[in-house]
């Protein structure tokens, strides 16, 4: 009982002290922040949790820093939990703030659709960054490891996919306006102009 009492006390303490050196997962995926509740559950049901350390060096570190540069964040010499959270969070926030149309439309390139899916289903940031994102853009981590010159084009393709998602709803609105101007007005005019013409055209309708 003394041994078990020490384990129950020491494991949560150790995990909290070293919280930036590893990632903790349960059935729902990545747990970005350790709370009192998390630590208590880990102590009670350790079989439901897994711990994953960071093995990021070489081209993986270059890829990770390319994401941080893309997000206007400082580059890192080594990984820690805070770096993961800081880097994955903008992608998650970006997806959540997309209009519903942008989350559902298939009027996108296959790369943009796959990037959207990778962000939407992300549970493990490391898997998302080094497997899901490269696979979505048609390149493997092994290829990037063999040829670092492809990293720049990979980053550019990721930027293009994110930009395509971000502007997809604006594109929908633009297509509506072009249709209205071409089919009803007969020329390209500003919104206030064609709004007035449409109101005048249909004012007799109930």
C-alpha atoms as a PDB file:
ATOM      1  CA  UNK A   1       0.000   0.000   0.000  1.00  0.00           C
ATOM      2  CA  UNK A   2       2.918   2.347   0.655  1.00  0.00           C
ATOM      3  CA  UNK A   3       4.218   1.594  -2.863  1.00  0.00           C
ATOM      4  CA  UNK A   4       0.825   2.265  -4.472  1.00  0.00           C
ATOM      5  CA  UNK A   5       0.406   5.450  -2.451  1.00  0.00           C
ATOM      6  CA  UNK A   6       3.745   6.748  -3.720  1.00  0.00           C
ATOM      7  CA  UNK A   7       2.852   5.854  -7.315  1.00  0.00           C
ATOM      8  CA  UNK A   8      -0.522   7.604  -7.064  1.00  0.00           C
ATOM      9  CA  UNK A   9       1.233  10.729  -5.806  1.00  0.00           C
ATOM     10  CA  UNK A  10       4.362  10.643  -7.940  1.00  0.00           C
ATOM     11  CA  UNK A  11       2.903   9.942 -11.423  1.00  0.00           C
ATOM     12  CA  UNK A  12       0.620  13.021 -11.565  1.00  0.00           C
ATOM     13  CA  UNK A  13       3.412  15.146 -10.077  1.00  0.00           C
ATOM     14  CA  UNK A  14       5.935  13.906 -12.639  1.00  0.00           C
ATOM     15  CA  UNK A  15       3.487  14.356 -15.525  1.00  0.00           C
ATOM     16  CA  UNK A  16       2.746  17.918 -14.470  1.00  0.00           C
ATOM     17  CA  UNK A  17       6.425  18.837 -14.048  1.00  0.00           C
ATOM     18  CA  UNK A  18       7.309  17.373 -17.483  1.00  0.00           C
ATOM     19  CA  UNK A  19       4.084  18.447 -19.221  1.00  0.00           C
ATOM     20  CA  UNK A  20       5.899  20.322 -21.999  1.00  0.00           C
ATOM     21  CA  UNK A  21       8.068  17.323 -22.944  1.00  0.00           C
ATOM     22  CA  UNK A  22       5.352  14.939 -24.169  1.00  0.00           C
ATOM     23  CA  UNK A  23       1.768  14.666 -25.406  1.00  0.00           C
ATOM     24  CA  UNK A  24      -1.040  12.801 -23.630  1.00  0.00           C
ATOM     25  CA  UNK A  25      -3.850  11.075 -25.508  1.00  0.00           C
ATOM     26  CA  UNK A  26      -7.066   9.304 -24.589  1.00  0.00           C
ATOM     27  CA  UNK A  27      -9.841   7.809 -26.719  1.00  0.00           C
ATOM     28  CA  UNK A  28     -10.913  11.294 -27.801  1.00  0.00           C
ATOM     29  CA  UNK A  29      -7.436  12.191 -29.039  1.00  0.00           C
ATOM     30  CA  UNK A  30      -4.861  14.775 -28.001  1.00  0.00           C
ATOM     31  CA  UNK A  31      -5.173  16.460 -24.592  1.00  0.00           C
ATOM     32  CA  UNK A  32      -3.478  19.855 -25.047  1.00  0.00           C
ATOM     33  CA  UNK A  33      -3.687  21.030 -21.425  1.00  0.00           C
ATOM     34  CA  UNK A  34      -3.309  19.017 -18.231  1.00  0.00           C
ATOM     35  CA  UNK A  35      -5.940  19.854 -15.631  1.00  0.00           C
ATOM     36  CA  UNK A  36      -6.612  18.548 -12.120  1.00  0.00           C
ATOM     37  CA  UNK A  37      -9.414  16.451 -13.586  1.00  0.00           C
ATOM     38  CA  UNK A  38      -7.114  14.957 -16.243  1.00  0.00           C
ATOM     39  CA  UNK A  39      -4.490  14.026 -13.660  1.00  0.00           C
ATOM     40  CA  UNK A  40      -7.075  12.435 -11.402  1.00  0.00           C
ATOM     41  CA  UNK A  41      -8.498  10.368 -14.260  1.00  0.00           C
ATOM     42  CA  UNK A  42      -5.021   9.314 -15.388  1.00  0.00           C
ATOM     43  CA  UNK A  43      -4.266   8.069 -11.883  1.00  0.00           C
ATOM     44  CA  UNK A  44      -7.576   6.178 -11.687  1.00  0.00           C
ATOM     45  CA  UNK A  45      -7.675   4.781 -15.242  1.00  0.00           C
ATOM     46  CA  UNK A  46      -4.105   4.723 -16.580  1.00  0.00           C
ATOM     47  CA  UNK A  47      -5.023   2.074 -19.180  1.00  0.00           C
ATOM     48  CA  UNK A  48      -7.185   4.661 -20.987  1.00  0.00           C
ATOM     49  CA  UNK A  49      -4.291   7.044 -21.594  1.00  0.00           C
ATOM     50  CA  UNK A  50      -1.125   6.973 -23.659  1.00  0.00           C
ATOM     51  CA  UNK A  51       1.963   9.185 -23.532  1.00  0.00           C
ATOM     52  CA  UNK A  52       3.857  10.180 -26.655  1.00  0.00           C
ATOM     53  CA  UNK A  53       7.200  11.924 -26.627  1.00  0.00           C
ATOM     54  CA  UNK A  54       8.391  14.259 -29.370  1.00  0.00           C
ATOM     55  CA  UNK A  55      10.889  12.851 -31.833  1.00  0.00           C
ATOM     56  CA  UNK A  56      11.259  15.836 -34.116  1.00  0.00           C
ATOM     57  CA  UNK A  57      14.537  16.563 -35.812  1.00  0.00           C
ATOM     58  CA  UNK A  58      16.024  16.972 -39.253  1.00  0.00           C
ATOM     59  CA  UNK A  59      13.453  17.545 -41.984  1.00  0.00           C
ATOM     60  CA  UNK A  60      10.568  17.209 -39.494  1.00  0.00           C
ATOM     61  CA  UNK A  61      11.885  20.255 -37.665  1.00  0.00           C
ATOM     62  CA  UNK A  62      12.229  22.078 -40.989  1.00  0.00           C
ATOM     63  CA  UNK A  63       8.608  21.210 -41.863  1.00  0.00           C
ATOM     64  CA  UNK A  64       7.385  22.288 -38.443  1.00  0.00           C
ATOM     65  CA  UNK A  65       9.209  25.596 -38.722  1.00  0.00           C
ATOM     66  CA  UNK A  66       7.775  26.108 -42.211  1.00  0.00           C
ATOM     67  CA  UNK A  67       4.309  25.919 -40.614  1.00  0.00           C
ATOM     68  CA  UNK A  68       5.330  28.451 -37.986  1.00  0.00           C
ATOM     69  CA  UNK A  69       6.733  30.788 -40.651  1.00  0.00           C
ATOM     70  CA  UNK A  70       3.467  30.432 -42.587  1.00  0.00           C
ATOM     71  CA  UNK A  71       1.617  31.447 -39.388  1.00  0.00           C
ATOM     72  CA  UNK A  72       4.030  34.335 -38.692  1.00  0.00           C
ATOM     73  CA  UNK A  73       5.357  32.585 -35.585  1.00  0.00           C
ATOM     74  CA  UNK A  74       8.985  32.354 -34.494  1.00  0.00           C
ATOM     75  CA  UNK A  75      10.926  29.258 -35.524  1.00  0.00           C
ATOM     76  CA  UNK A  76      11.946  26.713 -32.888  1.00  0.00           C
ATOM     77  CA  UNK A  77      15.160  24.800 -32.255  1.00  0.00           C
ATOM     78  CA  UNK A  78      13.292  22.027 -30.460  1.00  0.00           C
ATOM     79  CA  UNK A  79       9.764  20.807 -29.899  1.00  0.00           C
ATOM     80  CA  UNK A  80       7.639  21.004 -26.801  1.00  0.00           C
ATOM     81  CA  UNK A  81       3.959  20.718 -26.019  1.00  0.00           C
ATOM     82  CA  UNK A  82       3.455  24.474 -26.067  1.00  0.00           C
ATOM     83  CA  UNK A  83       4.919  24.674 -29.567  1.00  0.00           C
ATOM     84  CA  UNK A  84       2.464  22.059 -30.785  1.00  0.00           C
ATOM     85  CA  UNK A  85      -0.515  23.867 -29.246  1.00  0.00           C
ATOM     86  CA  UNK A  86       0.608  27.246 -30.534  1.00  0.00           C
ATOM     87  CA  UNK A  87       1.031  25.898 -34.074  1.00  0.00           C
ATOM     88  CA  UNK A  88      -2.001  23.618 -34.447  1.00  0.00           C
ATOM     89  CA  UNK A  89      -4.462  26.058 -32.819  1.00  0.00           C
ATOM     90  CA  UNK A  90      -4.606  28.580 -35.723  1.00  0.00           C
ATOM     91  CA  UNK A  91      -5.499  25.766 -38.138  1.00  0.00           C
ATOM     92  CA  UNK A  92      -8.326  24.549 -35.871  1.00  0.00           C
ATOM     93  CA  UNK A  93      -9.612  28.108 -35.301  1.00  0.00           C
ATOM     94  CA  UNK A  94      -9.405  28.764 -39.051  1.00  0.00           C
ATOM     95  CA  UNK A  95     -11.568  25.723 -39.795  1.00  0.00           C
ATOM     96  CA  UNK A  96     -14.148  26.543 -37.117  1.00  0.00           C
ATOM     97  CA  UNK A  97     -14.546  30.087 -38.428  1.00  0.00           C
ATOM     98  CA  UNK A  98     -15.151  28.989 -42.017  1.00  0.00           C
ATOM     99  CA  UNK A  99     -18.695  29.576 -43.333  1.00  0.00           C
ATOM    100  CA  UNK A 100     -20.752  26.382 -43.501  1.00  0.00           C
ATOM    101  CA  UNK A 101     -20.537  26.503 -47.293  1.00  0.00           C
ATOM    102  CA  UNK A 102     -16.723  26.343 -47.132  1.00  0.00           C
ATOM    103  CA  UNK A 103     -16.913  23.336 -44.789  1.00  0.00           C
ATOM    104  CA  UNK A 104     -19.204  21.419 -47.140  1.00  0.00           C
ATOM    105  CA  UNK A 105     -18.539  22.484 -50.718  1.00  0.00           C
ATOM    106  CA  UNK A 106     -16.874  20.138 -53.185  1.00  0.00           C
ATOM    107  CA  UNK A 107     -16.144  23.015 -55.550  1.00  0.00           C
ATOM    108  CA  UNK A 108     -12.504  22.964 -54.490  1.00  0.00           C
ATOM    109  CA  UNK A 109      -9.298  21.331 -55.637  1.00  0.00           C
ATOM    110  CA  UNK A 110      -8.696  17.841 -54.277  1.00  0.00           C
ATOM    111  CA  UNK A 111      -5.768  19.202 -52.242  1.00  0.00           C
ATOM    112  CA  UNK A 112      -7.924  21.832 -50.528  1.00  0.00           C
ATOM    113  CA  UNK A 113     -10.621  19.252 -49.752  1.00  0.00           C
ATOM    114  CA  UNK A 114      -8.045  16.889 -48.234  1.00  0.00           C
ATOM    115  CA  UNK A 115      -6.440  19.670 -46.177  1.00  0.00           C
ATOM    116  CA  UNK A 116      -9.899  20.639 -44.905  1.00  0.00           C
ATOM    117  CA  UNK A 117     -10.558  17.024 -43.932  1.00  0.00           C
ATOM    118  CA  UNK A 118      -7.173  16.719 -42.209  1.00  0.00           C
ATOM    119  CA  UNK A 119      -7.867  19.805 -40.065  1.00  0.00           C
ATOM    120  CA  UNK A 120     -11.460  18.805 -39.299  1.00  0.00           C
ATOM    121  CA  UNK A 121     -10.481  15.322 -38.086  1.00  0.00           C
ATOM    122  CA  UNK A 122      -7.210  16.266 -36.365  1.00  0.00           C
ATOM    123  CA  UNK A 123      -6.678  14.448 -33.071  1.00  0.00           C
ATOM    124  CA  UNK A 124      -2.898  14.098 -33.056  1.00  0.00           C
ATOM    125  CA  UNK A 125      -1.024  17.273 -34.118  1.00  0.00           C
ATOM    126  CA  UNK A 126       2.126  15.329 -34.966  1.00  0.00           C
ATOM    127  CA  UNK A 127       0.200  12.962 -37.252  1.00  0.00           C
ATOM    128  CA  UNK A 128      -1.609  15.935 -38.809  1.00  0.00           C
ATOM    129  CA  UNK A 129       1.584  17.898 -39.505  1.00  0.00           C
ATOM    130  CA  UNK A 130       3.801  15.082 -40.749  1.00  0.00           C
ATOM    131  CA  UNK A 131       1.392  12.586 -42.330  1.00  0.00           C
ATOM    132  CA  UNK A 132      -2.058  14.037 -43.075  1.00  0.00           C
ATOM    133  CA  UNK A 133      -0.914  17.399 -44.501  1.00  0.00           C
ATOM    134  CA  UNK A 134       1.838  15.981 -46.751  1.00  0.00           C
ATOM    135  CA  UNK A 135      -0.448  13.156 -47.944  1.00  0.00           C
ATOM    136  CA  UNK A 136      -3.195  15.676 -48.716  1.00  0.00           C
ATOM    137  CA  UNK A 137      -0.752  17.549 -50.947  1.00  0.00           C
ATOM    138  CA  UNK A 138       0.488  14.427 -52.701  1.00  0.00           C
ATOM    139  CA  UNK A 139       3.897  14.137 -51.087  1.00  0.00           C
ATOM    140  CA  UNK A 140       5.320  11.863 -48.414  1.00  0.00           C
ATOM    141  CA  UNK A 141       7.523  12.639 -45.451  1.00  0.00           C
ATOM    142  CA  UNK A 142      10.089  10.254 -46.929  1.00  0.00           C
ATOM    143  CA  UNK A 143      10.230  12.309 -50.126  1.00  0.00           C
ATOM    144  CA  UNK A 144      10.774  15.505 -48.161  1.00  0.00           C
ATOM    145  CA  UNK A 145      13.479  13.799 -46.124  1.00  0.00           C
ATOM    146  CA  UNK A 146      15.303  12.779 -49.289  1.00  0.00           C
ATOM    147  CA  UNK A 147      14.920  16.110 -51.052  1.00  0.00           C
ATOM    148  CA  UNK A 148      14.629  19.184 -48.809  1.00  0.00           C
ATOM    149  CA  UNK A 149      14.348  21.402 -51.901  1.00  0.00           C
ATOM    150  CA  UNK A 150      10.736  20.207 -52.242  1.00  0.00           C
ATOM    151  CA  UNK A 151       9.883  21.775 -48.873  1.00  0.00           C
ATOM    152  CA  UNK A 152       9.386  25.249 -50.380  1.00  0.00           C
ATOM    153  CA  UNK A 153       6.918  24.010 -52.994  1.00  0.00           C
ATOM    154  CA  UNK A 154       5.157  21.944 -50.315  1.00  0.00           C
ATOM    155  CA  UNK A 155       4.706  25.033 -48.130  1.00  0.00           C
ATOM    156  CA  UNK A 156       3.475  27.038 -51.127  1.00  0.00           C
ATOM    157  CA  UNK A 157       0.926  24.332 -51.978  1.00  0.00           C
ATOM    158  CA  UNK A 158      -0.315  24.356 -48.369  1.00  0.00           C
ATOM    159  CA  UNK A 159      -0.701  28.148 -48.470  1.00  0.00           C
ATOM    160  CA  UNK A 160      -2.648  27.859 -51.732  1.00  0.00           C
ATOM    161  CA  UNK A 161      -4.978  25.197 -50.285  1.00  0.00           C
ATOM    162  CA  UNK A 162      -5.684  27.311 -47.178  1.00  0.00           C
ATOM    163  CA  UNK A 163      -6.252  30.403 -49.336  1.00  0.00           C
ATOM    164  CA  UNK A 164      -8.667  28.433 -51.540  1.00  0.00           C
ATOM    165  CA  UNK A 165     -10.678  27.423 -48.483  1.00  0.00           C
ATOM    166  CA  UNK A 166     -10.657  30.950 -47.093  1.00  0.00           C
ATOM    167  CA  UNK A 167     -11.907  32.529 -50.333  1.00  0.00           C
ATOM    168  CA  UNK A 168     -14.378  29.816 -51.394  1.00  0.00           C
ATOM    169  CA  UNK A 169     -17.425  31.583 -49.945  1.00  0.00           C
ATOM    170  CA  UNK A 170     -16.412  34.901 -51.534  1.00  0.00           C
ATOM    171  CA  UNK A 171     -16.196  33.027 -54.823  1.00  0.00           C
ATOM    172  CA  UNK A 172     -19.764  31.767 -54.353  1.00  0.00           C
ATOM    173  CA  UNK A 173     -21.040  35.304 -53.756  1.00  0.00           C
ATOM    174  CA  UNK A 174     -19.124  36.556 -56.788  1.00  0.00           C
ATOM    175  CA  UNK A 175     -20.682  33.873 -59.013  1.00  0.00           C
ATOM    176  CA  UNK A 176     -24.165  34.883 -57.824  1.00  0.00           C
ATOM    177  CA  UNK A 177     -23.442  38.520 -58.623  1.00  0.00           C
ATOM    178  CA  UNK A 178     -22.059  37.674 -62.053  1.00  0.00           C
ATOM    179  CA  UNK A 179     -25.156  35.615 -62.842  1.00  0.00           C
ATOM    180  CA  UNK A 180     -27.520  38.403 -61.728  1.00  0.00           C
ATOM    181  CA  UNK A 181     -25.637  41.035 -63.712  1.00  0.00           C
ATOM    182  CA  UNK A 182     -25.363  38.902 -66.854  1.00  0.00           C
ATOM    183  CA  UNK A 183     -28.854  37.374 -66.873  1.00  0.00           C
ATOM    184  CA  UNK A 184     -31.015  40.144 -65.398  1.00  0.00           C
ATOM    185  CA  UNK A 185     -29.165  43.433 -65.808  1.00  0.00           C
ATOM    186  CA  UNK A 186     -27.190  42.790 -68.984  1.00  0.00           C
ATOM    187  CA  UNK A 187     -24.026  44.453 -67.766  1.00  0.00           C
ATOM    188  CA  UNK A 188     -21.725  44.547 -64.765  1.00  0.00           C
ATOM    189  CA  UNK A 189     -22.852  47.095 -62.185  1.00  0.00           C
ATOM    190  CA  UNK A 190     -22.369  47.647 -58.472  1.00  0.00           C
ATOM    191  CA  UNK A 191     -24.623  46.024 -55.865  1.00  0.00           C
ATOM    192  CA  UNK A 192     -26.631  49.172 -55.083  1.00  0.00           C
ATOM    193  CA  UNK A 193     -27.363  49.632 -58.800  1.00  0.00           C
ATOM    194  CA  UNK A 194     -28.602  46.133 -59.531  1.00  0.00           C
ATOM    195  CA  UNK A 195     -30.426  46.023 -56.175  1.00  0.00           C
ATOM    196  CA  UNK A 196     -32.464  49.054 -57.249  1.00  0.00           C
ATOM    197  CA  UNK A 197     -33.133  47.625 -60.703  1.00  0.00           C
ATOM    198  CA  UNK A 198     -34.306  44.291 -59.265  1.00  0.00           C
ATOM    199  CA  UNK A 199     -36.571  46.035 -56.747  1.00  0.00           C
ATOM    200  CA  UNK A 200     -38.097  48.105 -59.529  1.00  0.00           C
ATOM    201  CA  UNK A 201     -38.543  45.056 -61.759  1.00  0.00           C
ATOM    202  CA  UNK A 202     -40.344  42.994 -59.134  1.00  0.00           C
ATOM    203  CA  UNK A 203     -42.161  45.715 -57.136  1.00  0.00           C
ATOM    204  CA  UNK A 204     -45.584  44.623 -58.435  1.00  0.00           C
ATOM    205  CA  UNK A 205     -45.151  41.128 -57.036  1.00  0.00           C
ATOM    206  CA  UNK A 206     -46.651  40.347 -53.626  1.00  0.00           C
END
